[in-house]
Amino acid sequence: MKSQSRLSKQKIGWPVNRLTGKPANGQTDREKNMEEKRYEIGGKIYIQRPLVLGQVQQLLVMVEGTQIPADANMFGIIIALGDKLFLALAIVLTEEGKSPRDKDFPALADEIKFSILPEQTITVIEDFFDCNPLSSILERMAGMTKKFNGLMLTGLRNSAFSSAMETSPGETGSSGEQPSKMPRTGRKRC
């Protein structure tokens, strides 16, 4: 019964909260996009969810050395991936009831290769970009990097300032004892 009311609410739509700009039902576009997508491929149900870090790592390793033009459309991505396309699909799709870590990628890629329809392939790729707003993630990472660099720069400035203050104008900074006060060992100096 609950799913029927949810469906009817989606058909009618919700007004937007004028103060926050978010839908009045509290669900943002990003949250809607983060929902799982389901596909029947070769008689099995596969699920696509937002990537976990392990899947991101697997995809990065898989696409290493692959040239995907910045202005590539759907078919440009498919062509650029070539034979890696089916491995990419095996990484982003998980059979219902299984964990993303419990996959035999070569076997799953082969199974998908000979089961998925061309239209389904396009849908899965489109849904991938809906589930994983890469530009948003990259923007946030760039912002974090900028903040981190700012903190590091501030820390280095403070460290340099405090080191300069600890060293008097006539001295040089050193660690340990001064050479004139060190005991002689009987060895000749070079």
C-alpha atoms as a PDB file:
ATOM      1  CA  MET A   1       0.000   0.000   0.000  1.00  0.00           C
ATOM      2  CA  LYS A   2       2.863   2.313   0.810  1.00  0.00           C
ATOM      3  CA  SER A   3       4.368   1.948  -2.678  1.00  0.00           C
ATOM      4  CA  GLN A   4       1.024   2.897  -4.280  1.00  0.00           C
ATOM      5  CA  SER A   5       0.897   6.171  -2.368  1.00  0.00           C
ATOM      6  CA  ARG A   6       4.515   6.848  -3.293  1.00  0.00           C
ATOM      7  CA  LEU A   7       3.762   6.261  -6.963  1.00  0.00           C
ATOM      8  CA  SER A   8       0.725   8.501  -6.879  1.00  0.00           C
ATOM      9  CA  LYS A   9       2.761  11.259  -5.194  1.00  0.00           C
ATOM     10  CA  GLN A  10       5.409  10.980  -7.892  1.00  0.00           C
ATOM     11  CA  LYS A  11       2.777  11.339 -10.622  1.00  0.00           C
ATOM     12  CA  ILE A  12       1.211  14.400  -9.040  1.00  0.00           C
ATOM     13  CA  GLY A  13       4.503  15.988  -8.096  1.00  0.00           C
ATOM     14  CA  TRP A  14       5.413  18.009  -5.059  1.00  0.00           C
ATOM     15  CA  PRO A  15       5.602  21.757  -4.710  1.00  0.00           C
ATOM     16  CA  VAL A  16       9.006  23.272  -4.153  1.00  0.00           C
ATOM     17  CA  ASN A  17       9.857  24.833  -0.800  1.00  0.00           C
ATOM     18  CA  ARG A  18      10.500  28.473  -1.691  1.00  0.00           C
ATOM     19  CA  LEU A  19      12.980  29.010   1.143  1.00  0.00           C
ATOM     20  CA  THR A  20      15.240  26.015   0.494  1.00  0.00           C
ATOM     21  CA  GLY A  21      14.572  25.359  -3.193  1.00  0.00           C
ATOM     22  CA  LYS A  22      14.176  21.667  -2.345  1.00  0.00           C
ATOM     23  CA  PRO A  23      11.072  19.619  -3.104  1.00  0.00           C
ATOM     24  CA  ALA A  24       8.508  19.900  -0.317  1.00  0.00           C
ATOM     25  CA  ASN A  25       8.642  16.116   0.153  1.00  0.00           C
ATOM     26  CA  GLY A  26      12.229  16.552   1.384  1.00  0.00           C
ATOM     27  CA  GLN A  27      13.830  14.506  -1.391  1.00  0.00           C
ATOM     28  CA  THR A  28      16.357  16.372  -3.520  1.00  0.00           C
ATOM     29  CA  ASP A  29      17.151  15.559  -7.158  1.00  0.00           C
ATOM     30  CA  ARG A  30      20.471  14.101  -5.993  1.00  0.00           C
ATOM     31  CA  GLU A  31      18.683  11.786  -3.555  1.00  0.00           C
ATOM     32  CA  LYS A  32      16.279  10.665  -6.296  1.00  0.00           C
ATOM     33  CA  ASN A  33      19.238   9.893  -8.542  1.00  0.00           C
ATOM     34  CA  MET A  34      20.918   7.874  -5.793  1.00  0.00           C
ATOM     35  CA  GLU A  35      18.182   5.250  -5.854  1.00  0.00           C
ATOM     36  CA  GLU A  36      19.069   1.857  -7.263  1.00  0.00           C
ATOM     37  CA  LYS A  37      18.252   0.908 -10.836  1.00  0.00           C
ATOM     38  CA  ARG A  38      17.157  -2.628 -11.751  1.00  0.00           C
ATOM     39  CA  TYR A  39      17.617  -4.513 -15.022  1.00  0.00           C
ATOM     40  CA  GLU A  40      16.685  -7.974 -16.252  1.00  0.00           C
ATOM     41  CA  ILE A  41      19.588  -9.242 -18.335  1.00  0.00           C
ATOM     42  CA  GLY A  42      19.689 -12.827 -19.528  1.00  0.00           C
ATOM     43  CA  GLY A  43      16.956 -13.872 -17.105  1.00  0.00           C
ATOM     44  CA  LYS A  44      18.765 -12.466 -14.039  1.00  0.00           C
ATOM     45  CA  ILE A  45      18.107  -9.266 -12.122  1.00  0.00           C
ATOM     46  CA  TYR A  46      21.039  -6.875 -11.872  1.00  0.00           C
ATOM     47  CA  ILE A  47      21.143  -3.768  -9.721  1.00  0.00           C
ATOM     48  CA  GLN A  48      23.063  -0.556 -10.223  1.00  0.00           C
ATOM     49  CA  ARG A  49      23.611   1.641  -7.181  1.00  0.00           C
ATOM     50  CA  PRO A  50      25.864   4.610  -6.552  1.00  0.00           C
ATOM     51  CA  LEU A  51      29.440   3.355  -6.658  1.00  0.00           C
ATOM     52  CA  VAL A  52      31.275   2.407  -3.505  1.00  0.00           C
ATOM     53  CA  LEU A  53      35.001   3.211  -3.259  1.00  0.00           C
ATOM     54  CA  GLY A  54      36.001  -0.341  -4.190  1.00  0.00           C
ATOM     55  CA  GLN A  55      34.079  -0.056  -7.458  1.00  0.00           C
ATOM     56  CA  VAL A  56      35.620   3.358  -8.143  1.00  0.00           C
ATOM     57  CA  GLN A  57      39.061   1.821  -7.719  1.00  0.00           C
ATOM     58  CA  GLN A  58      38.175  -1.092 -10.022  1.00  0.00           C
ATOM     59  CA  LEU A  59      36.902   1.301 -12.697  1.00  0.00           C
ATOM     60  CA  LEU A  60      40.011   3.489 -12.444  1.00  0.00           C
ATOM     61  CA  VAL A  61      42.273   0.482 -12.931  1.00  0.00           C
ATOM     62  CA  MET A  62      40.098  -0.763 -15.796  1.00  0.00           C
ATOM     63  CA  VAL A  63      40.067   2.549 -17.737  1.00  0.00           C
ATOM     64  CA  GLU A  64      43.754   3.305 -17.165  1.00  0.00           C
ATOM     65  CA  GLY A  65      45.310   4.137 -20.524  1.00  0.00           C
ATOM     66  CA  THR A  66      41.922   4.543 -22.222  1.00  0.00           C
ATOM     67  CA  GLN A  67      41.447   7.823 -24.076  1.00  0.00           C
ATOM     68  CA  ILE A  68      37.887   9.113 -23.705  1.00  0.00           C
ATOM     69  CA  PRO A  69      37.413  12.506 -25.349  1.00  0.00           C
ATOM     70  CA  ALA A  70      36.010  15.183 -23.033  1.00  0.00           C
ATOM     71  CA  ASP A  71      33.139  15.860 -25.455  1.00  0.00           C
ATOM     72  CA  ALA A  72      32.312  12.165 -25.998  1.00  0.00           C
ATOM     73  CA  ASN A  73      28.654  11.256 -26.205  1.00  0.00           C
ATOM     74  CA  MET A  74      27.184   7.863 -25.287  1.00  0.00           C
ATOM     75  CA  PHE A  75      28.498   6.156 -28.420  1.00  0.00           C
ATOM     76  CA  GLY A  76      31.887   7.829 -28.048  1.00  0.00           C
ATOM     77  CA  ILE A  77      32.198   6.287 -24.587  1.00  0.00           C
ATOM     78  CA  ILE A  78      31.163   2.856 -25.887  1.00  0.00           C
ATOM     79  CA  ILE A  79      33.677   3.058 -28.744  1.00  0.00           C
ATOM     80  CA  ALA A  80      36.480   4.355 -26.492  1.00  0.00           C
ATOM     81  CA  LEU A  81      35.955   1.531 -23.990  1.00  0.00           C
ATOM     82  CA  GLY A  82      35.922  -1.134 -26.723  1.00  0.00           C
ATOM     83  CA  ASP A  83      36.225  -4.597 -25.183  1.00  0.00           C
ATOM     84  CA  LYS A  84      36.541  -3.003 -21.727  1.00  0.00           C
ATOM     85  CA  LEU A  85      32.849  -2.037 -21.923  1.00  0.00           C
ATOM     86  CA  PHE A  86      31.679  -5.420 -20.656  1.00  0.00           C
ATOM     87  CA  LEU A  87      34.145  -5.380 -17.770  1.00  0.00           C
ATOM     88  CA  ALA A  88      32.919  -1.872 -16.882  1.00  0.00           C
ATOM     89  CA  LEU A  89      29.332  -3.141 -16.900  1.00  0.00           C
ATOM     90  CA  ALA A  90      30.393  -6.071 -14.685  1.00  0.00           C
ATOM     91  CA  ILE A  91      31.872  -3.580 -12.217  1.00  0.00           C
ATOM     92  CA  VAL A  92      28.849  -1.261 -12.021  1.00  0.00           C
ATOM     93  CA  LEU A  93      26.149  -3.971 -12.116  1.00  0.00           C
ATOM     94  CA  THR A  94      25.646  -6.380  -9.236  1.00  0.00           C
ATOM     95  CA  GLU A  95      23.458  -9.441  -9.385  1.00  0.00           C
ATOM     96  CA  GLU A  96      20.508  -9.128  -7.041  1.00  0.00           C
ATOM     97  CA  GLY A  97      21.297 -10.515  -3.604  1.00  0.00           C
ATOM     98  CA  LYS A  98      25.080 -10.280  -4.038  1.00  0.00           C
ATOM     99  CA  SER A  99      27.675  -7.829  -2.788  1.00  0.00           C
ATOM    100  CA  PRO A 100      29.817  -5.761  -5.196  1.00  0.00           C
ATOM    101  CA  ARG A 101      32.911  -7.485  -3.766  1.00  0.00           C
ATOM    102  CA  ASP A 102      31.606 -11.016  -4.461  1.00  0.00           C
ATOM    103  CA  LYS A 103      31.988 -10.977  -8.234  1.00  0.00           C
ATOM    104  CA  ASP A 104      33.956 -13.001 -10.745  1.00  0.00           C
ATOM    105  CA  PHE A 105      34.511 -10.119 -13.165  1.00  0.00           C
ATOM    106  CA  PRO A 106      35.704 -12.051 -16.222  1.00  0.00           C
ATOM    107  CA  ALA A 107      32.811 -14.538 -15.966  1.00  0.00           C
ATOM    108  CA  LEU A 108      30.254 -11.789 -15.296  1.00  0.00           C
ATOM    109  CA  ALA A 109      31.603  -9.644 -18.153  1.00  0.00           C
ATOM    110  CA  ASP A 110      31.301 -12.627 -20.511  1.00  0.00           C
ATOM    111  CA  GLU A 111      27.775 -13.372 -19.301  1.00  0.00           C
ATOM    112  CA  ILE A 112      26.713  -9.740 -19.777  1.00  0.00           C
ATOM    113  CA  LYS A 113      28.386  -9.561 -23.186  1.00  0.00           C
ATOM    114  CA  PHE A 114      26.193 -12.338 -24.544  1.00  0.00           C
ATOM    115  CA  SER A 115      22.977 -11.381 -22.712  1.00  0.00           C
ATOM    116  CA  ILE A 116      22.603  -7.608 -22.731  1.00  0.00           C
ATOM    117  CA  LEU A 117      20.679  -5.890 -25.503  1.00  0.00           C
ATOM    118  CA  PRO A 118      22.095  -2.746 -27.146  1.00  0.00           C
ATOM    119  CA  GLU A 119      19.204  -0.653 -25.764  1.00  0.00           C
ATOM    120  CA  GLN A 120      19.878  -1.981 -22.271  1.00  0.00           C
ATOM    121  CA  THR A 121      23.552  -1.064 -22.607  1.00  0.00           C
ATOM    122  CA  ILE A 122      22.633   2.532 -23.371  1.00  0.00           C
ATOM    123  CA  THR A 123      20.161   2.623 -20.472  1.00  0.00           C
ATOM    124  CA  VAL A 124      22.753   1.221 -18.035  1.00  0.00           C
ATOM    125  CA  ILE A 125      25.316   3.839 -19.111  1.00  0.00           C
ATOM    126  CA  GLU A 126      22.775   6.681 -18.854  1.00  0.00           C
ATOM    127  CA  ASP A 127      21.725   5.437 -15.414  1.00  0.00           C
ATOM    128  CA  PHE A 128      25.387   5.233 -14.386  1.00  0.00           C
ATOM    129  CA  PHE A 129      25.748   8.990 -14.858  1.00  0.00           C
ATOM    130  CA  ASP A 130      22.446   9.578 -13.027  1.00  0.00           C
ATOM    131  CA  CYS A 131      23.507   7.405 -10.065  1.00  0.00           C
ATOM    132  CA  ASN A 132      27.028   8.807  -9.980  1.00  0.00           C
ATOM    133  CA  PRO A 133      27.090  12.551 -10.611  1.00  0.00           C
ATOM    134  CA  LEU A 134      30.791  12.572 -11.485  1.00  0.00           C
ATOM    135  CA  SER A 135      31.019  16.299 -12.120  1.00  0.00           C
ATOM    136  CA  SER A 136      29.547  16.988  -8.685  1.00  0.00           C
ATOM    137  CA  ILE A 137      31.948  14.535  -7.052  1.00  0.00           C
ATOM    138  CA  LEU A 138      34.931  16.022  -8.909  1.00  0.00           C
ATOM    139  CA  GLU A 139      33.865  19.565  -7.963  1.00  0.00           C
ATOM    140  CA  ARG A 140      33.629  18.581  -4.303  1.00  0.00           C
ATOM    141  CA  MET A 141      37.020  16.862  -4.442  1.00  0.00           C
ATOM    142  CA  ALA A 142      38.543  19.960  -6.065  1.00  0.00           C
ATOM    143  CA  GLY A 143      37.039  22.100  -3.288  1.00  0.00           C
ATOM    144  CA  MET A 144      38.457  19.759  -0.653  1.00  0.00           C
ATOM    145  CA  THR A 145      41.874  19.878  -2.323  1.00  0.00           C
ATOM    146  CA  LYS A 146      41.752  23.672  -2.384  1.00  0.00           C
ATOM    147  CA  LYS A 147      40.868  23.771   1.332  1.00  0.00           C
ATOM    148  CA  PHE A 148      43.600  21.258   2.157  1.00  0.00           C
ATOM    149  CA  ASN A 149      46.188  23.233   0.200  1.00  0.00           C
ATOM    150  CA  GLY A 150      45.091  26.403   2.014  1.00  0.00           C
ATOM    151  CA  LEU A 151      45.479  24.693   5.377  1.00  0.00           C
ATOM    152  CA  MET A 152      48.893  23.342   4.409  1.00  0.00           C
ATOM    153  CA  LEU A 153      50.035  26.768   3.205  1.00  0.00           C
ATOM    154  CA  THR A 154      48.817  28.392   6.423  1.00  0.00           C
ATOM    155  CA  GLY A 155      50.601  25.702   8.454  1.00  0.00           C
ATOM    156  CA  LEU A 156      53.834  26.199   6.525  1.00  0.00           C
ATOM    157  CA  ARG A 157      53.651  29.973   6.958  1.00  0.00           C
ATOM    158  CA  ASN A 158      53.064  29.607  10.699  1.00  0.00           C
ATOM    159  CA  SER A 159      55.907  27.109  10.974  1.00  0.00           C
ATOM    160  CA  ALA A 160      58.303  29.350   9.037  1.00  0.00           C
ATOM    161  CA  PHE A 161      57.276  32.371  11.131  1.00  0.00           C
ATOM    162  CA  SER A 162      57.771  30.555  14.439  1.00  0.00           C
ATOM    163  CA  SER A 163      61.178  29.195  13.289  1.00  0.00           C
ATOM    164  CA  ALA A 164      62.276  32.688  12.308  1.00  0.00           C
ATOM    165  CA  MET A 165      61.172  34.056  15.680  1.00  0.00           C
ATOM    166  CA  GLU A 166      63.102  31.366  17.591  1.00  0.00           C
ATOM    167  CA  THR A 167      66.371  32.207  15.798  1.00  0.00           C
ATOM    168  CA  SER A 168      67.983  35.480  16.836  1.00  0.00           C
ATOM    169  CA  PRO A 169      69.373  37.727  14.077  1.00  0.00           C
ATOM    170  CA  GLY A 170      73.043  36.878  14.830  1.00  0.00           C
ATOM    171  CA  GLU A 171      72.547  33.115  14.966  1.00  0.00           C
ATOM    172  CA  THR A 172      71.678  30.417  12.501  1.00  0.00           C
ATOM    173  CA  GLY A 173      69.130  27.800  13.334  1.00  0.00           C
ATOM    174  CA  SER A 174      70.535  24.373  14.167  1.00  0.00           C
ATOM    175  CA  SER A 175      69.596  21.243  15.958  1.00  0.00           C
ATOM    176  CA  GLY A 176      71.953  19.732  18.473  1.00  0.00           C
ATOM    177  CA  GLU A 177      75.082  21.159  20.034  1.00  0.00           C
ATOM    178  CA  GLN A 178      77.322  23.754  18.467  1.00  0.00           C
ATOM    179  CA  PRO A 179      80.541  22.314  16.941  1.00  0.00           C
ATOM    180  CA  SER A 180      82.824  24.338  19.285  1.00  0.00           C
ATOM    181  CA  LYS A 181      81.196  22.772  22.347  1.00  0.00           C
ATOM    182  CA  MET A 182      81.316  19.189  21.038  1.00  0.00           C
ATOM    183  CA  PRO A 183      83.842  16.868  22.708  1.00  0.00           C
ATOM    184  CA  ARG A 184      86.845  15.891  20.618  1.00  0.00           C
ATOM    185  CA  THR A 185      87.053  12.241  19.654  1.00  0.00           C
ATOM    186  CA  GLY A 186      90.690  12.205  18.645  1.00  0.00           C
ATOM    187  CA  ARG A 187      89.894  11.848  14.952  1.00  0.00           C
ATOM    188  CA  LYS A 188      91.168  14.292  12.404  1.00  0.00           C
ATOM    189  CA  ARG A 189      88.618  16.392  10.631  1.00  0.00           C
ATOM    190  CA  CYS A 190      88.294  16.212   6.887  1.00  0.00           C
END
